[in-house]
């Protein structure tokens, strides 16, 4: 990816990258490009920090992976299991972008040049209860968009298990 990427912490605790680095990261499927600045979601910034590809300035100090993780999970503990899913998908060679709302959290692409995503990812932690109506709604939203719904479940040991979901009727069973 080149040299070390330099980012700065925004008021919303997202990481902002400017200039040519922003364009380069956006081309690799990271963040939301707004003019010459790229806003990274916490999962994306954590991934780049953990891989040693980025350094972040915030509050007059440099934040490493652990410092940024502690800062972001203080108010949003849900970031950690989401990061585990994000990292697992990225390390499998996929491009992961933000999805639709809080339920269908990620859009999943096979490559960075792919125009449309094939999958929408619904993140869960093992033992987390979810209403059937939420699952049905996610399956319908995915189908309406021509996407495949994938449940990504983070197990207690930190491993991620994926389930493909679809709506069916008893006549199709």
C-alpha atoms as a PDB file:
ATOM      1  CA  UNK A   1       0.000   0.000   0.000  1.00  0.00           C
ATOM      2  CA  UNK A   2       3.036   2.286   0.162  1.00  0.00           C
ATOM      3  CA  UNK A   3       4.147   4.306   3.229  1.00  0.00           C
ATOM      4  CA  UNK A   4       2.468   4.668   6.573  1.00  0.00           C
ATOM      5  CA  UNK A   5      -0.980   6.264   6.263  1.00  0.00           C
ATOM      6  CA  UNK A   6      -1.574   9.231   8.538  1.00  0.00           C
ATOM      7  CA  UNK A   7      -5.031   9.830   9.918  1.00  0.00           C
ATOM      8  CA  UNK A   8      -6.581  12.183  12.424  1.00  0.00           C
ATOM      9  CA  UNK A   9      -9.388  11.549  14.862  1.00  0.00           C
ATOM     10  CA  UNK A  10     -12.683  13.310  14.092  1.00  0.00           C
ATOM     11  CA  UNK A  11     -15.182  14.531  16.683  1.00  0.00           C
ATOM     12  CA  UNK A  12     -17.320  11.438  15.988  1.00  0.00           C
ATOM     13  CA  UNK A  13     -14.269   9.232  16.781  1.00  0.00           C
ATOM     14  CA  UNK A  14     -13.920   8.254  13.137  1.00  0.00           C
ATOM     15  CA  UNK A  15     -10.548   8.530  11.444  1.00  0.00           C
ATOM     16  CA  UNK A  16     -10.078  11.068   8.670  1.00  0.00           C
ATOM     17  CA  UNK A  17      -7.434  10.709   5.952  1.00  0.00           C
ATOM     18  CA  UNK A  18      -6.652  13.499   3.462  1.00  0.00           C
ATOM     19  CA  UNK A  19      -4.884  13.920   0.146  1.00  0.00           C
ATOM     20  CA  UNK A  20      -3.559  11.183  -2.148  1.00  0.00           C
ATOM     21  CA  UNK A  21      -3.673   8.605   0.665  1.00  0.00           C
ATOM     22  CA  UNK A  22      -7.443   9.148   0.868  1.00  0.00           C
ATOM     23  CA  UNK A  23      -7.883   8.468  -2.843  1.00  0.00           C
ATOM     24  CA  UNK A  24      -5.660   5.389  -2.677  1.00  0.00           C
ATOM     25  CA  UNK A  25      -7.545   3.921   0.296  1.00  0.00           C
ATOM     26  CA  UNK A  26     -10.928   4.627  -1.326  1.00  0.00           C
ATOM     27  CA  UNK A  27      -9.786   2.736  -4.444  1.00  0.00           C
ATOM     28  CA  UNK A  28      -9.033  -0.248  -2.192  1.00  0.00           C
ATOM     29  CA  UNK A  29     -12.572  -0.227  -0.812  1.00  0.00           C
ATOM     30  CA  UNK A  30     -12.065   1.718   2.406  1.00  0.00           C
ATOM     31  CA  UNK A  31     -14.176   4.522   3.843  1.00  0.00           C
ATOM     32  CA  UNK A  32     -16.391   7.226   2.403  1.00  0.00           C
ATOM     33  CA  UNK A  33     -14.678   9.739   0.136  1.00  0.00           C
ATOM     34  CA  UNK A  34     -15.918  13.319   0.561  1.00  0.00           C
ATOM     35  CA  UNK A  35     -13.879  15.627  -1.663  1.00  0.00           C
ATOM     36  CA  UNK A  36     -10.222  15.190  -0.727  1.00  0.00           C
ATOM     37  CA  UNK A  37     -10.952  13.554   2.627  1.00  0.00           C
ATOM     38  CA  UNK A  38     -11.806   9.974   3.444  1.00  0.00           C
ATOM     39  CA  UNK A  39     -13.772   9.077   6.567  1.00  0.00           C
ATOM     40  CA  UNK A  40     -13.005   5.607   7.900  1.00  0.00           C
ATOM     41  CA  UNK A  41     -15.445   3.650  10.029  1.00  0.00           C
ATOM     42  CA  UNK A  42     -13.995   2.375  13.336  1.00  0.00           C
ATOM     43  CA  UNK A  43     -13.664  -1.174  11.980  1.00  0.00           C
ATOM     44  CA  UNK A  44     -11.646   0.052   8.993  1.00  0.00           C
ATOM     45  CA  UNK A  45      -9.333   2.216  11.098  1.00  0.00           C
ATOM     46  CA  UNK A  46      -8.810  -0.616  13.597  1.00  0.00           C
ATOM     47  CA  UNK A  47      -7.920  -2.986  10.759  1.00  0.00           C
ATOM     48  CA  UNK A  48      -5.335  -0.608   9.287  1.00  0.00           C
ATOM     49  CA  UNK A  49      -3.913   0.133  12.753  1.00  0.00           C
ATOM     50  CA  UNK A  50      -3.653  -3.563  13.624  1.00  0.00           C
ATOM     51  CA  UNK A  51      -1.873  -4.257  10.329  1.00  0.00           C
ATOM     52  CA  UNK A  52       0.636  -1.468  11.060  1.00  0.00           C
ATOM     53  CA  UNK A  53      -0.390   0.466   7.939  1.00  0.00           C
ATOM     54  CA  UNK A  54      -1.724   3.553   9.700  1.00  0.00           C
ATOM     55  CA  UNK A  55      -1.037   5.921  12.543  1.00  0.00           C
ATOM     56  CA  UNK A  56      -3.713   8.116  14.072  1.00  0.00           C
ATOM     57  CA  UNK A  57      -3.331  11.492  15.792  1.00  0.00           C
ATOM     58  CA  UNK A  58      -5.956  12.389  18.343  1.00  0.00           C
ATOM     59  CA  UNK A  59      -5.997  14.858  21.209  1.00  0.00           C
ATOM     60  CA  UNK A  60      -2.331  15.701  20.697  1.00  0.00           C
ATOM     61  CA  UNK A  61      -1.211  12.075  20.978  1.00  0.00           C
ATOM     62  CA  UNK A  62      -0.629   9.133  18.666  1.00  0.00           C
ATOM     63  CA  UNK A  63      -3.170   6.371  19.033  1.00  0.00           C
ATOM     64  CA  UNK A  64      -2.222   2.787  18.349  1.00  0.00           C
ATOM     65  CA  UNK A  65      -4.601  -0.136  17.900  1.00  0.00           C
ATOM     66  CA  UNK A  66      -5.174  -0.686  21.638  1.00  0.00           C
ATOM     67  CA  UNK A  67      -5.639   3.002  22.435  1.00  0.00           C
ATOM     68  CA  UNK A  68      -8.118   3.558  19.616  1.00  0.00           C
ATOM     69  CA  UNK A  69      -9.983   0.345  20.494  1.00  0.00           C
ATOM     70  CA  UNK A  70     -10.266   1.410  24.160  1.00  0.00           C
ATOM     71  CA  UNK A  71     -11.458   4.873  23.138  1.00  0.00           C
ATOM     72  CA  UNK A  72     -14.084   3.659  20.667  1.00  0.00           C
ATOM     73  CA  UNK A  73     -15.435   0.746  22.776  1.00  0.00           C
ATOM     74  CA  UNK A  74     -15.880   2.907  25.864  1.00  0.00           C
ATOM     75  CA  UNK A  75     -19.132   4.267  24.369  1.00  0.00           C
ATOM     76  CA  UNK A  76     -19.766   1.575  21.749  1.00  0.00           C
ATOM     77  CA  UNK A  77     -18.809  -1.907  23.022  1.00  0.00           C
ATOM     78  CA  UNK A  78     -20.502  -3.410  19.939  1.00  0.00           C
ATOM     79  CA  UNK A  79     -17.529  -2.256  17.841  1.00  0.00           C
ATOM     80  CA  UNK A  80     -15.340  -5.175  19.008  1.00  0.00           C
ATOM     81  CA  UNK A  81     -17.483  -8.064  17.645  1.00  0.00           C
ATOM     82  CA  UNK A  82     -18.159  -6.042  14.500  1.00  0.00           C
ATOM     83  CA  UNK A  83     -14.418  -5.566  14.078  1.00  0.00           C
ATOM     84  CA  UNK A  84     -13.825  -9.318  14.415  1.00  0.00           C
ATOM     85  CA  UNK A  85     -16.306  -9.916  11.567  1.00  0.00           C
ATOM     86  CA  UNK A  86     -14.844  -7.096   9.465  1.00  0.00           C
ATOM     87  CA  UNK A  87     -11.286  -8.395   9.920  1.00  0.00           C
ATOM     88  CA  UNK A  88     -12.306 -11.962   9.088  1.00  0.00           C
ATOM     89  CA  UNK A  89     -14.008 -10.848   5.865  1.00  0.00           C
ATOM     90  CA  UNK A  90     -11.099  -8.586   4.836  1.00  0.00           C
ATOM     91  CA  UNK A  91      -8.548 -11.312   5.496  1.00  0.00           C
ATOM     92  CA  UNK A  92     -10.520 -13.675   3.268  1.00  0.00           C
ATOM     93  CA  UNK A  93      -9.802 -11.253   0.410  1.00  0.00           C
ATOM     94  CA  UNK A  94     -13.209  -9.568   0.335  1.00  0.00           C
ATOM     95  CA  UNK A  95     -13.933  -5.861   0.135  1.00  0.00           C
ATOM     96  CA  UNK A  96     -16.262  -4.787   2.935  1.00  0.00           C
ATOM     97  CA  UNK A  97     -18.263  -1.561   2.819  1.00  0.00           C
ATOM     98  CA  UNK A  98     -20.957  -0.145   5.052  1.00  0.00           C
ATOM     99  CA  UNK A  99     -24.357  -1.657   4.429  1.00  0.00           C
ATOM    100  CA  UNK A 100     -27.930  -0.615   5.106  1.00  0.00           C
ATOM    101  CA  UNK A 101     -28.622   0.663   8.626  1.00  0.00           C
ATOM    102  CA  UNK A 102     -27.660  -1.191  11.789  1.00  0.00           C
ATOM    103  CA  UNK A 103     -29.106  -4.571  10.813  1.00  0.00           C
ATOM    104  CA  UNK A 104     -27.535  -5.168   7.411  1.00  0.00           C
ATOM    105  CA  UNK A 105     -24.257  -3.671   8.538  1.00  0.00           C
ATOM    106  CA  UNK A 106     -21.944  -4.591   5.658  1.00  0.00           C
ATOM    107  CA  UNK A 107     -22.034  -4.949   1.892  1.00  0.00           C
ATOM    108  CA  UNK A 108     -19.645  -7.638   0.727  1.00  0.00           C
ATOM    109  CA  UNK A 109     -17.769  -7.538  -2.594  1.00  0.00           C
ATOM    110  CA  UNK A 110     -15.528 -10.173  -4.144  1.00  0.00           C
ATOM    111  CA  UNK A 111     -13.062  -7.524  -5.424  1.00  0.00           C
ATOM    112  CA  UNK A 112     -12.571  -3.758  -5.090  1.00  0.00           C
ATOM    113  CA  UNK A 113     -13.467  -3.175  -8.758  1.00  0.00           C
ATOM    114  CA  UNK A 114     -16.857  -4.855  -8.433  1.00  0.00           C
ATOM    115  CA  UNK A 115     -19.703  -2.395  -9.069  1.00  0.00           C
ATOM    116  CA  UNK A 116     -22.381  -3.981  -6.884  1.00  0.00           C
ATOM    117  CA  UNK A 117     -22.231  -6.180  -3.841  1.00  0.00           C
ATOM    118  CA  UNK A 118     -23.617  -9.694  -3.875  1.00  0.00           C
ATOM    119  CA  UNK A 119     -24.087 -10.087  -0.113  1.00  0.00           C
ATOM    120  CA  UNK A 120     -25.449  -8.144   2.856  1.00  0.00           C
ATOM    121  CA  UNK A 121     -24.073  -9.130   6.260  1.00  0.00           C
ATOM    122  CA  UNK A 122     -26.111  -9.242   9.473  1.00  0.00           C
ATOM    123  CA  UNK A 123     -23.678  -9.359  12.448  1.00  0.00           C
ATOM    124  CA  UNK A 124     -24.458 -11.239  15.659  1.00  0.00           C
ATOM    125  CA  UNK A 125     -22.587 -12.432  18.726  1.00  0.00           C
ATOM    126  CA  UNK A 126     -23.043 -15.976  20.019  1.00  0.00           C
ATOM    127  CA  UNK A 127     -25.819 -16.013  22.610  1.00  0.00           C
ATOM    128  CA  UNK A 128     -27.316 -12.744  21.378  1.00  0.00           C
ATOM    129  CA  UNK A 129     -31.064 -13.021  20.953  1.00  0.00           C
ATOM    130  CA  UNK A 130     -32.679 -11.655  17.844  1.00  0.00           C
ATOM    131  CA  UNK A 131     -36.364 -11.427  17.038  1.00  0.00           C
ATOM    132  CA  UNK A 132     -37.550 -13.565  14.135  1.00  0.00           C
ATOM    133  CA  UNK A 133     -39.281 -10.495  12.694  1.00  0.00           C
ATOM    134  CA  UNK A 134     -35.860  -8.769  12.466  1.00  0.00           C
ATOM    135  CA  UNK A 135     -34.420 -11.750  10.595  1.00  0.00           C
ATOM    136  CA  UNK A 136     -37.403 -11.873   8.246  1.00  0.00           C
ATOM    137  CA  UNK A 137     -37.125  -8.144   7.625  1.00  0.00           C
ATOM    138  CA  UNK A 138     -33.402  -8.514   6.856  1.00  0.00           C
ATOM    139  CA  UNK A 139     -34.094 -11.432   4.495  1.00  0.00           C
ATOM    140  CA  UNK A 140     -36.785  -9.446   2.672  1.00  0.00           C
ATOM    141  CA  UNK A 141     -34.618  -6.318   2.421  1.00  0.00           C
ATOM    142  CA  UNK A 142     -31.768  -8.406   1.024  1.00  0.00           C
ATOM    143  CA  UNK A 143     -34.023 -10.154  -1.486  1.00  0.00           C
ATOM    144  CA  UNK A 144     -35.619  -6.844  -2.542  1.00  0.00           C
ATOM    145  CA  UNK A 145     -32.145  -5.511  -3.317  1.00  0.00           C
ATOM    146  CA  UNK A 146     -31.173  -8.688  -5.179  1.00  0.00           C
ATOM    147  CA  UNK A 147     -28.625  -9.637  -2.482  1.00  0.00           C
ATOM    148  CA  UNK A 148     -27.934 -12.744  -0.454  1.00  0.00           C
ATOM    149  CA  UNK A 149     -28.307 -12.377   3.325  1.00  0.00           C
ATOM    150  CA  UNK A 150     -25.391 -13.698   5.373  1.00  0.00           C
ATOM    151  CA  UNK A 151     -25.569 -14.045   9.157  1.00  0.00           C
ATOM    152  CA  UNK A 152     -22.089 -13.570  10.633  1.00  0.00           C
ATOM    153  CA  UNK A 153     -21.949 -14.970  14.170  1.00  0.00           C
ATOM    154  CA  UNK A 154     -18.957 -14.261  16.411  1.00  0.00           C
ATOM    155  CA  UNK A 155     -18.455 -17.250  18.693  1.00  0.00           C
ATOM    156  CA  UNK A 156     -17.196 -16.884  22.256  1.00  0.00           C
ATOM    157  CA  UNK A 157     -13.692 -17.962  21.150  1.00  0.00           C
ATOM    158  CA  UNK A 158     -13.613 -15.136  18.604  1.00  0.00           C
ATOM    159  CA  UNK A 159     -14.165 -17.272  15.515  1.00  0.00           C
ATOM    160  CA  UNK A 160     -16.759 -16.209  12.958  1.00  0.00           C
ATOM    161  CA  UNK A 161     -19.304 -18.625  11.500  1.00  0.00           C
ATOM    162  CA  UNK A 162     -21.342 -17.613   8.444  1.00  0.00           C
ATOM    163  CA  UNK A 163     -24.867 -18.716   7.542  1.00  0.00           C
ATOM    164  CA  UNK A 164     -26.620 -17.937   4.268  1.00  0.00           C
ATOM    165  CA  UNK A 165     -30.302 -17.115   4.846  1.00  0.00           C
ATOM    166  CA  UNK A 166     -33.290 -16.876   2.596  1.00  0.00           C
ATOM    167  CA  UNK A 167     -37.020 -16.713   2.957  1.00  0.00           C
ATOM    168  CA  UNK A 168     -38.990 -19.755   1.870  1.00  0.00           C
ATOM    169  CA  UNK A 169     -42.457 -21.181   2.227  1.00  0.00           C
ATOM    170  CA  UNK A 170     -43.546 -24.657   3.366  1.00  0.00           C
ATOM    171  CA  UNK A 171     -44.417 -25.554  -0.230  1.00  0.00           C
ATOM    172  CA  UNK A 172     -40.729 -25.151  -1.175  1.00  0.00           C
ATOM    173  CA  UNK A 173     -39.446 -27.497   1.536  1.00  0.00           C
END
